[in-house]
Amino acid sequence: MRKINISISGCMGRMGQQLIKSSKKNRNFKLVSLTESRLISKKIAGLIPTKNSVDAFKKSNVIIDFTVPKCTLEILKIASKLKRRVVIGTTGFSKKEENLIKTYSRNIPILKAGNMSLGVNLLMYLTEIASKSLGNEFLTKIYEVHHKHKIDYPSGTALMLGKGVADGKNKNFYNLVGKKYLNKKSFPYSNKINFNSIRKGKVIGEHEVRFFSGKEIIKLNHESFDRALYSEGALVAASWLMSKKAGLYSMRDLLNFK
């Protein structure tokens, strides 16, 4: 089997470092370039990181991106020019930025997921089923915990779960987004979906969706113990994307959840 050439953007970040480790252990991949927003003079995994450019990505089959929205859009512009596939694990996009990603996907294959974990994507699927089954009689709120260095909130995964709730009700997610709390001990239900984000310690990721009727509470949750869960999922996504035509895909497509 011919190896898949990959580039990793944001190589000095937590996920960037984990992706390097996972890719070096996987014989199906060859790491051909690393990029970072700041100048790095030393070699990382045998490569000197550079900034995003045509030269940085020209030898790559797939670019894996866990950075920030501004960087992701810069990468997509270059990838579109080179006709390269992109796996996006970046979160925190605005509605306008989401639409730009859709525009780029008309030209190249893109897999975008707020979370690359099989378990989390199964949780989203179950959230959608529960939301559809329980209907409007139940109020919903979403709780998430991440390490103290995570900047954006709610997490991309929490927003994914919120979209699952909205899709289950056949409603527009943006119209259902309620209040976004940070580091609250408790937070209320409402007619919209409220979010509470906790930032503490070295927590890799905890997510919970609660459905409340006034008489009962249904909880769906997931807890991550190892960041390799996400990097290995991203590599599976990169391999899967190799056979796909231009389009915007998700882990749900990869896992064939109907």
C-alpha atoms as a PDB file:
ATOM      1  CA  MET A   1       0.000   0.000   0.000  1.00  0.00           C
ATOM      2  CA  ARG A   2       1.315   3.411  -0.975  1.00  0.00           C
ATOM      3  CA  LYS A   3       1.763   5.726   1.987  1.00  0.00           C
ATOM      4  CA  ILE A   4      -0.414   8.812   2.340  1.00  0.00           C
ATOM      5  CA  ASN A   5       1.625  12.019   2.552  1.00  0.00           C
ATOM      6  CA  ILE A   6       0.290  14.278   5.278  1.00  0.00           C
ATOM      7  CA  SER A   7       0.981  17.788   6.507  1.00  0.00           C
ATOM      8  CA  ILE A   8       0.110  18.887  10.038  1.00  0.00           C
ATOM      9  CA  SER A   9      -0.702  22.527  10.731  1.00  0.00           C
ATOM     10  CA  GLY A  10      -0.371  23.987  14.213  1.00  0.00           C
ATOM     11  CA  CYS A  11       2.359  21.451  14.905  1.00  0.00           C
ATOM     12  CA  MET A  12       3.372  22.975  18.259  1.00  0.00           C
ATOM     13  CA  GLY A  13      -0.138  22.846  19.712  1.00  0.00           C
ATOM     14  CA  ARG A  14      -1.466  20.050  21.891  1.00  0.00           C
ATOM     15  CA  MET A  15      -3.241  18.303  19.041  1.00  0.00           C
ATOM     16  CA  GLY A  16      -0.432  19.040  16.621  1.00  0.00           C
ATOM     17  CA  GLN A  17       2.030  17.260  18.893  1.00  0.00           C
ATOM     18  CA  GLN A  18      -0.340  14.338  19.382  1.00  0.00           C
ATOM     19  CA  LEU A  19      -0.901  14.058  15.616  1.00  0.00           C
ATOM     20  CA  ILE A  20       2.848  13.881  15.048  1.00  0.00           C
ATOM     21  CA  LYS A  21       3.131  11.029  17.568  1.00  0.00           C
ATOM     22  CA  SER A  22       0.227   9.088  16.082  1.00  0.00           C
ATOM     23  CA  SER A  23       1.338   9.576  12.474  1.00  0.00           C
ATOM     24  CA  LYS A  24       4.874   8.382  13.253  1.00  0.00           C
ATOM     25  CA  LYS A  25       3.427   5.167  14.709  1.00  0.00           C
ATOM     26  CA  ASN A  26       1.138   4.524  11.728  1.00  0.00           C
ATOM     27  CA  ARG A  27       2.854   2.880   8.744  1.00  0.00           C
ATOM     28  CA  ASN A  28       0.140   4.054   6.353  1.00  0.00           C
ATOM     29  CA  PHE A  29       1.282   7.685   6.602  1.00  0.00           C
ATOM     30  CA  LYS A  30       4.353   9.704   5.768  1.00  0.00           C
ATOM     31  CA  LEU A  31       4.754  13.073   7.453  1.00  0.00           C
ATOM     32  CA  VAL A  32       6.045  15.452   4.762  1.00  0.00           C
ATOM     33  CA  SER A  33       5.617  18.896   6.321  1.00  0.00           C
ATOM     34  CA  LEU A  34       4.716  20.795   9.473  1.00  0.00           C
ATOM     35  CA  THR A  35       3.446  24.361   9.743  1.00  0.00           C
ATOM     36  CA  GLU A  36       3.178  26.819  12.604  1.00  0.00           C
ATOM     37  CA  SER A  37       2.212  30.480  12.897  1.00  0.00           C
ATOM     38  CA  ARG A  38       5.521  31.446  14.526  1.00  0.00           C
ATOM     39  CA  LEU A  39       9.075  30.780  13.418  1.00  0.00           C
ATOM     40  CA  ILE A  40      10.508  27.497  14.726  1.00  0.00           C
ATOM     41  CA  SER A  41      14.224  27.003  14.027  1.00  0.00           C
ATOM     42  CA  LYS A  42      14.653  23.474  15.385  1.00  0.00           C
ATOM     43  CA  LYS A  43      13.562  20.238  13.746  1.00  0.00           C
ATOM     44  CA  ILE A  44      10.376  18.553  14.920  1.00  0.00           C
ATOM     45  CA  ALA A  45      10.052  14.871  13.947  1.00  0.00           C
ATOM     46  CA  GLY A  46      12.897  15.420  11.474  1.00  0.00           C
ATOM     47  CA  LEU A  47      11.251  18.426   9.822  1.00  0.00           C
ATOM     48  CA  ILE A  48      11.678  22.167  10.252  1.00  0.00           C
ATOM     49  CA  PRO A  49       8.224  23.764  10.582  1.00  0.00           C
ATOM     50  CA  THR A  50       7.367  26.568   8.169  1.00  0.00           C
ATOM     51  CA  LYS A  51       4.450  28.917   7.728  1.00  0.00           C
ATOM     52  CA  ASN A  52       1.439  27.956   5.596  1.00  0.00           C
ATOM     53  CA  SER A  53       2.347  28.203   1.915  1.00  0.00           C
ATOM     54  CA  VAL A  54       2.135  26.451  -1.437  1.00  0.00           C
ATOM     55  CA  ASP A  55       5.650  25.069  -0.893  1.00  0.00           C
ATOM     56  CA  ALA A  56       4.700  23.695   2.542  1.00  0.00           C
ATOM     57  CA  PHE A  57       1.786  21.666   1.197  1.00  0.00           C
ATOM     58  CA  LYS A  58       2.770  20.776  -2.374  1.00  0.00           C
ATOM     59  CA  LYS A  59       4.012  17.258  -1.487  1.00  0.00           C
ATOM     60  CA  SER A  60       1.033  16.473   0.718  1.00  0.00           C
ATOM     61  CA  ASN A  61      -2.029  14.380  -0.104  1.00  0.00           C
ATOM     62  CA  VAL A  62      -3.947  15.495   2.988  1.00  0.00           C
ATOM     63  CA  ILE A  63      -3.531  18.482   5.317  1.00  0.00           C
ATOM     64  CA  ILE A  64      -4.676  17.920   8.898  1.00  0.00           C
ATOM     65  CA  ASP A  65      -5.630  21.139  10.652  1.00  0.00           C
ATOM     66  CA  PHE A  66      -6.267  21.687  14.379  1.00  0.00           C
ATOM     67  CA  THR A  67      -5.614  25.425  14.728  1.00  0.00           C
ATOM     68  CA  VAL A  68      -7.841  28.521  14.788  1.00  0.00           C
ATOM     69  CA  PRO A  69     -10.451  29.647  12.217  1.00  0.00           C
ATOM     70  CA  LYS A  70      -8.251  32.333  10.615  1.00  0.00           C
ATOM     71  CA  CYS A  71      -5.468  29.801  10.011  1.00  0.00           C
ATOM     72  CA  THR A  72      -7.892  27.159   8.741  1.00  0.00           C
ATOM     73  CA  LEU A  73      -9.278  29.507   6.094  1.00  0.00           C
ATOM     74  CA  GLU A  74      -5.733  30.401   5.035  1.00  0.00           C
ATOM     75  CA  ILE A  75      -4.982  26.690   4.617  1.00  0.00           C
ATOM     76  CA  LEU A  76      -8.174  26.073   2.649  1.00  0.00           C
ATOM     77  CA  LYS A  77      -7.251  28.827   0.207  1.00  0.00           C
ATOM     78  CA  ILE A  78      -3.890  27.169  -0.460  1.00  0.00           C
ATOM     79  CA  ALA A  79      -5.353  23.637  -0.502  1.00  0.00           C
ATOM     80  CA  SER A  80      -7.986  24.703  -3.012  1.00  0.00           C
ATOM     81  CA  LYS A  81      -5.253  26.025  -5.300  1.00  0.00           C
ATOM     82  CA  LEU A  82      -3.243  22.796  -4.987  1.00  0.00           C
ATOM     83  CA  LYS A  83      -6.312  20.485  -5.024  1.00  0.00           C
ATOM     84  CA  ARG A  84      -5.361  18.966  -1.666  1.00  0.00           C
ATOM     85  CA  ARG A  85      -7.698  17.235   0.769  1.00  0.00           C
ATOM     86  CA  VAL A  86      -8.171  18.771   4.226  1.00  0.00           C
ATOM     87  CA  VAL A  87      -9.218  17.293   7.573  1.00  0.00           C
ATOM     88  CA  ILE A  88     -10.446  20.067   9.884  1.00  0.00           C
ATOM     89  CA  GLY A  89     -10.545  19.598  13.639  1.00  0.00           C
ATOM     90  CA  THR A  90     -10.518  23.341  14.340  1.00  0.00           C
ATOM     91  CA  THR A  91     -13.519  24.728  16.215  1.00  0.00           C
ATOM     92  CA  GLY A  92     -15.039  28.144  16.938  1.00  0.00           C
ATOM     93  CA  PHE A  93     -16.086  29.112  13.391  1.00  0.00           C
ATOM     94  CA  SER A  94     -18.623  31.873  12.821  1.00  0.00           C
ATOM     95  CA  LYS A  95     -21.611  31.295  10.548  1.00  0.00           C
ATOM     96  CA  LYS A  96     -19.847  33.304   7.817  1.00  0.00           C
ATOM     97  CA  GLU A  97     -16.713  31.164   8.162  1.00  0.00           C
ATOM     98  CA  GLU A  98     -18.796  27.972   8.017  1.00  0.00           C
ATOM     99  CA  ASN A  99     -20.219  29.190   4.708  1.00  0.00           C
ATOM    100  CA  LEU A 100     -16.709  29.862   3.385  1.00  0.00           C
ATOM    101  CA  ILE A 101     -15.734  26.270   4.223  1.00  0.00           C
ATOM    102  CA  LYS A 102     -18.760  25.055   2.253  1.00  0.00           C
ATOM    103  CA  THR A 103     -17.622  27.167  -0.686  1.00  0.00           C
ATOM    104  CA  TYR A 104     -14.127  25.628  -0.628  1.00  0.00           C
ATOM    105  CA  SER A 105     -15.652  22.140  -0.431  1.00  0.00           C
ATOM    106  CA  ARG A 106     -17.077  22.580  -3.925  1.00  0.00           C
ATOM    107  CA  ASN A 107     -13.509  22.378  -5.164  1.00  0.00           C
ATOM    108  CA  ILE A 108     -11.776  19.935  -2.786  1.00  0.00           C
ATOM    109  CA  PRO A 109     -12.739  17.105  -0.384  1.00  0.00           C
ATOM    110  CA  ILE A 110     -12.989  18.388   3.204  1.00  0.00           C
ATOM    111  CA  LEU A 111     -13.852  16.423   6.327  1.00  0.00           C
ATOM    112  CA  LYS A 112     -14.764  18.729   9.199  1.00  0.00           C
ATOM    113  CA  ALA A 113     -15.600  17.550  12.701  1.00  0.00           C
ATOM    114  CA  GLY A 114     -15.686  19.292  16.042  1.00  0.00           C
ATOM    115  CA  ASN A 115     -14.590  15.962  17.471  1.00  0.00           C
ATOM    116  CA  MET A 116     -12.848  13.014  15.776  1.00  0.00           C
ATOM    117  CA  SER A 117     -13.822  10.436  18.410  1.00  0.00           C
ATOM    118  CA  LEU A 118     -16.034   7.480  17.459  1.00  0.00           C
ATOM    119  CA  GLY A 119     -17.705   7.649  20.870  1.00  0.00           C
ATOM    120  CA  VAL A 120     -18.511  11.356  20.641  1.00  0.00           C
ATOM    121  CA  ASN A 121     -19.947  10.994  17.163  1.00  0.00           C
ATOM    122  CA  LEU A 122     -22.082   8.116  18.402  1.00  0.00           C
ATOM    123  CA  LEU A 123     -23.192  10.380  21.267  1.00  0.00           C
ATOM    124  CA  MET A 124     -24.242  13.031  18.749  1.00  0.00           C
ATOM    125  CA  TYR A 125     -26.232  10.433  16.806  1.00  0.00           C
ATOM    126  CA  LEU A 126     -27.962   9.245  20.006  1.00  0.00           C
ATOM    127  CA  THR A 127     -28.633  12.881  20.976  1.00  0.00           C
ATOM    128  CA  GLU A 128     -30.419  13.457  17.699  1.00  0.00           C
ATOM    129  CA  ILE A 129     -32.509  10.302  18.155  1.00  0.00           C
ATOM    130  CA  ALA A 130     -33.405  11.269  21.734  1.00  0.00           C
ATOM    131  CA  SER A 131     -34.327  14.811  20.725  1.00  0.00           C
ATOM    132  CA  LYS A 132     -36.574  13.544  17.957  1.00  0.00           C
ATOM    133  CA  SER A 133     -38.219  10.957  20.199  1.00  0.00           C
ATOM    134  CA  LEU A 134     -38.753  13.226  23.218  1.00  0.00           C
ATOM    135  CA  GLY A 135     -40.056  16.172  21.214  1.00  0.00           C
ATOM    136  CA  ASN A 136     -40.784  19.656  22.531  1.00  0.00           C
ATOM    137  CA  GLU A 137     -41.999  18.476  25.954  1.00  0.00           C
ATOM    138  CA  PHE A 138     -38.382  18.208  27.102  1.00  0.00           C
ATOM    139  CA  LEU A 139     -35.987  21.120  27.635  1.00  0.00           C
ATOM    140  CA  THR A 140     -32.295  20.614  26.839  1.00  0.00           C
ATOM    141  CA  LYS A 141     -28.982  21.918  28.148  1.00  0.00           C
ATOM    142  CA  ILE A 142     -25.384  20.926  27.441  1.00  0.00           C
ATOM    143  CA  TYR A 143     -22.453  20.762  29.851  1.00  0.00           C
ATOM    144  CA  GLU A 144     -18.770  20.392  28.930  1.00  0.00           C
ATOM    145  CA  VAL A 145     -15.378  20.359  30.692  1.00  0.00           C
ATOM    146  CA  HIS A 146     -11.926  20.914  29.147  1.00  0.00           C
ATOM    147  CA  HIS A 147      -8.403  21.734  30.298  1.00  0.00           C
ATOM    148  CA  LYS A 148      -7.650  25.259  31.493  1.00  0.00           C
ATOM    149  CA  HIS A 149      -5.741  26.173  28.305  1.00  0.00           C
ATOM    150  CA  LYS A 150      -8.719  25.744  25.963  1.00  0.00           C
ATOM    151  CA  ILE A 151      -9.790  29.214  24.865  1.00  0.00           C
ATOM    152  CA  ASP A 152     -13.011  28.846  22.875  1.00  0.00           C
ATOM    153  CA  TYR A 153     -16.315  28.019  24.549  1.00  0.00           C
ATOM    154  CA  PRO A 154     -18.637  26.243  24.183  1.00  0.00           C
ATOM    155  CA  SER A 155     -16.400  23.546  22.737  1.00  0.00           C
ATOM    156  CA  GLY A 156     -16.841  22.451  19.156  1.00  0.00           C
ATOM    157  CA  THR A 157     -18.162  19.148  20.476  1.00  0.00           C
ATOM    158  CA  ALA A 158     -20.766  20.876  22.651  1.00  0.00           C
ATOM    159  CA  LEU A 159     -21.935  22.813  19.603  1.00  0.00           C
ATOM    160  CA  MET A 160     -22.056  19.564  17.606  1.00  0.00           C
ATOM    161  CA  LEU A 161     -24.297  18.082  20.275  1.00  0.00           C
ATOM    162  CA  GLY A 162     -26.464  21.190  20.206  1.00  0.00           C
ATOM    163  CA  LYS A 163     -26.855  20.751  16.460  1.00  0.00           C
ATOM    164  CA  GLY A 164     -27.869  17.143  17.134  1.00  0.00           C
ATOM    165  CA  VAL A 165     -30.642  18.404  19.416  1.00  0.00           C
ATOM    166  CA  ALA A 166     -31.790  20.896  16.765  1.00  0.00           C
ATOM    167  CA  ASP A 167     -31.673  18.351  13.944  1.00  0.00           C
ATOM    168  CA  GLY A 168     -33.740  15.950  16.035  1.00  0.00           C
ATOM    169  CA  LYS A 169     -36.402  18.627  16.386  1.00  0.00           C
ATOM    170  CA  ASN A 170     -36.028  19.560  12.706  1.00  0.00           C
ATOM    171  CA  LYS A 171     -35.181  23.132  13.700  1.00  0.00           C
ATOM    172  CA  ASN A 172     -32.423  25.589  12.780  1.00  0.00           C
ATOM    173  CA  PHE A 173     -29.572  25.232  15.273  1.00  0.00           C
ATOM    174  CA  TYR A 174     -28.665  28.940  15.288  1.00  0.00           C
ATOM    175  CA  ASN A 175     -32.238  29.792  16.278  1.00  0.00           C
ATOM    176  CA  LEU A 176     -32.064  27.400  19.225  1.00  0.00           C
ATOM    177  CA  VAL A 177     -28.764  28.558  20.741  1.00  0.00           C
ATOM    178  CA  GLY A 178     -29.398  30.007  24.195  1.00  0.00           C
ATOM    179  CA  LYS A 179     -27.022  31.428  26.789  1.00  0.00           C
ATOM    180  CA  LYS A 180     -23.346  30.423  26.968  1.00  0.00           C
ATOM    181  CA  TYR A 181     -22.003  30.220  30.500  1.00  0.00           C
ATOM    182  CA  LEU A 182     -18.396  29.817  31.630  1.00  0.00           C
ATOM    183  CA  ASN A 183     -17.346  28.103  34.879  1.00  0.00           C
ATOM    184  CA  LYS A 184     -20.785  28.147  36.501  1.00  0.00           C
ATOM    185  CA  LYS A 185     -21.566  25.601  39.224  1.00  0.00           C
ATOM    186  CA  SER A 186     -25.106  25.332  37.903  1.00  0.00           C
ATOM    187  CA  PHE A 187     -27.058  26.774  34.991  1.00  0.00           C
ATOM    188  CA  PRO A 188     -30.734  26.791  33.994  1.00  0.00           C
ATOM    189  CA  TYR A 189     -32.831  25.115  31.350  1.00  0.00           C
ATOM    190  CA  SER A 190     -34.755  27.342  28.957  1.00  0.00           C
ATOM    191  CA  ASN A 191     -36.798  27.067  25.780  1.00  0.00           C
ATOM    192  CA  LYS A 192     -33.476  27.267  23.946  1.00  0.00           C
ATOM    193  CA  ILE A 193     -30.296  25.221  24.422  1.00  0.00           C
ATOM    194  CA  ASN A 194     -28.101  26.676  27.167  1.00  0.00           C
ATOM    195  CA  PHE A 195     -24.412  25.733  27.422  1.00  0.00           C
ATOM    196  CA  ASN A 196     -22.055  25.674  30.397  1.00  0.00           C
ATOM    197  CA  SER A 197     -18.294  25.328  29.874  1.00  0.00           C
ATOM    198  CA  ILE A 198     -15.858  24.476  32.651  1.00  0.00           C
ATOM    199  CA  ARG A 199     -12.129  25.119  32.159  1.00  0.00           C
ATOM    200  CA  LYS A 200      -9.914  23.429  34.741  1.00  0.00           C
ATOM    201  CA  GLY A 201      -6.787  21.344  35.211  1.00  0.00           C
ATOM    202  CA  LYS A 202      -5.745  18.917  32.505  1.00  0.00           C
ATOM    203  CA  VAL A 203      -9.177  17.509  31.629  1.00  0.00           C
ATOM    204  CA  ILE A 204      -9.119  16.164  28.064  1.00  0.00           C
ATOM    205  CA  GLY A 205     -12.859  16.322  27.514  1.00  0.00           C
ATOM    206  CA  GLU A 206     -16.218  15.632  29.163  1.00  0.00           C
ATOM    207  CA  HIS A 207     -19.598  16.272  27.552  1.00  0.00           C
ATOM    208  CA  GLU A 208     -23.155  15.743  28.733  1.00  0.00           C
ATOM    209  CA  VAL A 209     -26.567  16.406  27.189  1.00  0.00           C
ATOM    210  CA  ARG A 210     -29.530  16.622  29.559  1.00  0.00           C
ATOM    211  CA  PHE A 211     -33.211  16.384  28.611  1.00  0.00           C
ATOM    212  CA  PHE A 212     -35.639  17.618  31.309  1.00  0.00           C
ATOM    213  CA  SER A 213     -39.443  17.323  31.410  1.00  0.00           C
ATOM    214  CA  GLY A 214     -40.083  18.528  34.970  1.00  0.00           C
ATOM    215  CA  LYS A 215     -40.711  14.945  36.034  1.00  0.00           C
ATOM    216  CA  GLU A 216     -37.545  13.224  34.811  1.00  0.00           C
ATOM    217  CA  ILE A 217     -34.066  13.895  33.474  1.00  0.00           C
ATOM    218  CA  ILE A 218     -32.349  11.888  30.748  1.00  0.00           C
ATOM    219  CA  LYS A 219     -28.549  12.206  30.538  1.00  0.00           C
ATOM    220  CA  LEU A 220     -26.282  11.231  27.648  1.00  0.00           C
ATOM    221  CA  ASN A 221     -22.564  11.640  28.297  1.00  0.00           C
ATOM    222  CA  HIS A 222     -19.038  10.881  27.142  1.00  0.00           C
ATOM    223  CA  GLU A 223     -15.622  11.224  28.799  1.00  0.00           C
ATOM    224  CA  SER A 224     -12.220  11.173  27.060  1.00  0.00           C
ATOM    225  CA  PHE A 225      -9.100   9.826  28.808  1.00  0.00           C
ATOM    226  CA  ASP A 226      -6.467   9.998  26.043  1.00  0.00           C
ATOM    227  CA  ARG A 227      -5.876  12.699  23.418  1.00  0.00           C
ATOM    228  CA  ALA A 228      -4.686   9.981  21.010  1.00  0.00           C
ATOM    229  CA  LEU A 229      -8.375   9.223  20.576  1.00  0.00           C
ATOM    230  CA  TYR A 230      -8.679  12.381  18.478  1.00  0.00           C
ATOM    231  CA  SER A 231      -5.415  12.144  16.538  1.00  0.00           C
ATOM    232  CA  GLU A 232      -6.076   8.536  15.555  1.00  0.00           C
ATOM    233  CA  GLY A 233      -9.579   9.503  14.465  1.00  0.00           C
ATOM    234  CA  ALA A 234      -8.122  12.305  12.333  1.00  0.00           C
ATOM    235  CA  LEU A 235      -5.798   9.825  10.613  1.00  0.00           C
ATOM    236  CA  VAL A 236      -8.735   7.514   9.895  1.00  0.00           C
ATOM    237  CA  ALA A 237     -10.506  10.545   8.412  1.00  0.00           C
ATOM    238  CA  ALA A 238      -7.463  11.388   6.266  1.00  0.00           C
ATOM    239  CA  SER A 239      -7.323   7.854   4.890  1.00  0.00           C
ATOM    240  CA  TRP A 240     -11.084   7.784   4.217  1.00  0.00           C
ATOM    241  CA  LEU A 241     -10.956  11.153   2.444  1.00  0.00           C
ATOM    242  CA  MET A 242      -8.470   9.858  -0.127  1.00  0.00           C
ATOM    243  CA  SER A 243     -11.229   8.132  -2.104  1.00  0.00           C
ATOM    244  CA  LYS A 244     -13.733  10.997  -1.952  1.00  0.00           C
ATOM    245  CA  LYS A 245     -14.687  13.612  -4.501  1.00  0.00           C
ATOM    246  CA  ALA A 246     -14.995  17.315  -3.673  1.00  0.00           C
ATOM    247  CA  GLY A 247     -17.519  17.899  -0.916  1.00  0.00           C
ATOM    248  CA  LEU A 248     -17.972  18.654   2.778  1.00  0.00           C
ATOM    249  CA  TYR A 249     -17.991  15.513   4.910  1.00  0.00           C
ATOM    250  CA  SER A 250     -18.274  14.694   8.605  1.00  0.00           C
ATOM    251  CA  MET A 251     -17.338  11.805  10.878  1.00  0.00           C
ATOM    252  CA  ARG A 252     -20.960  10.779  10.578  1.00  0.00           C
ATOM    253  CA  ASP A 253     -20.399  10.169   6.865  1.00  0.00           C
ATOM    254  CA  LEU A 254     -17.257   8.184   7.637  1.00  0.00           C
ATOM    255  CA  LEU A 255     -19.047   6.069  10.255  1.00  0.00           C
ATOM    256  CA  ASN A 256     -22.062   5.662   7.979  1.00  0.00           C
ATOM    257  CA  PHE A 257     -24.596   6.750  10.586  1.00  0.00           C
ATOM    258  CA  LYS A 258     -27.924   7.205   8.817  1.00  0.00           C
END
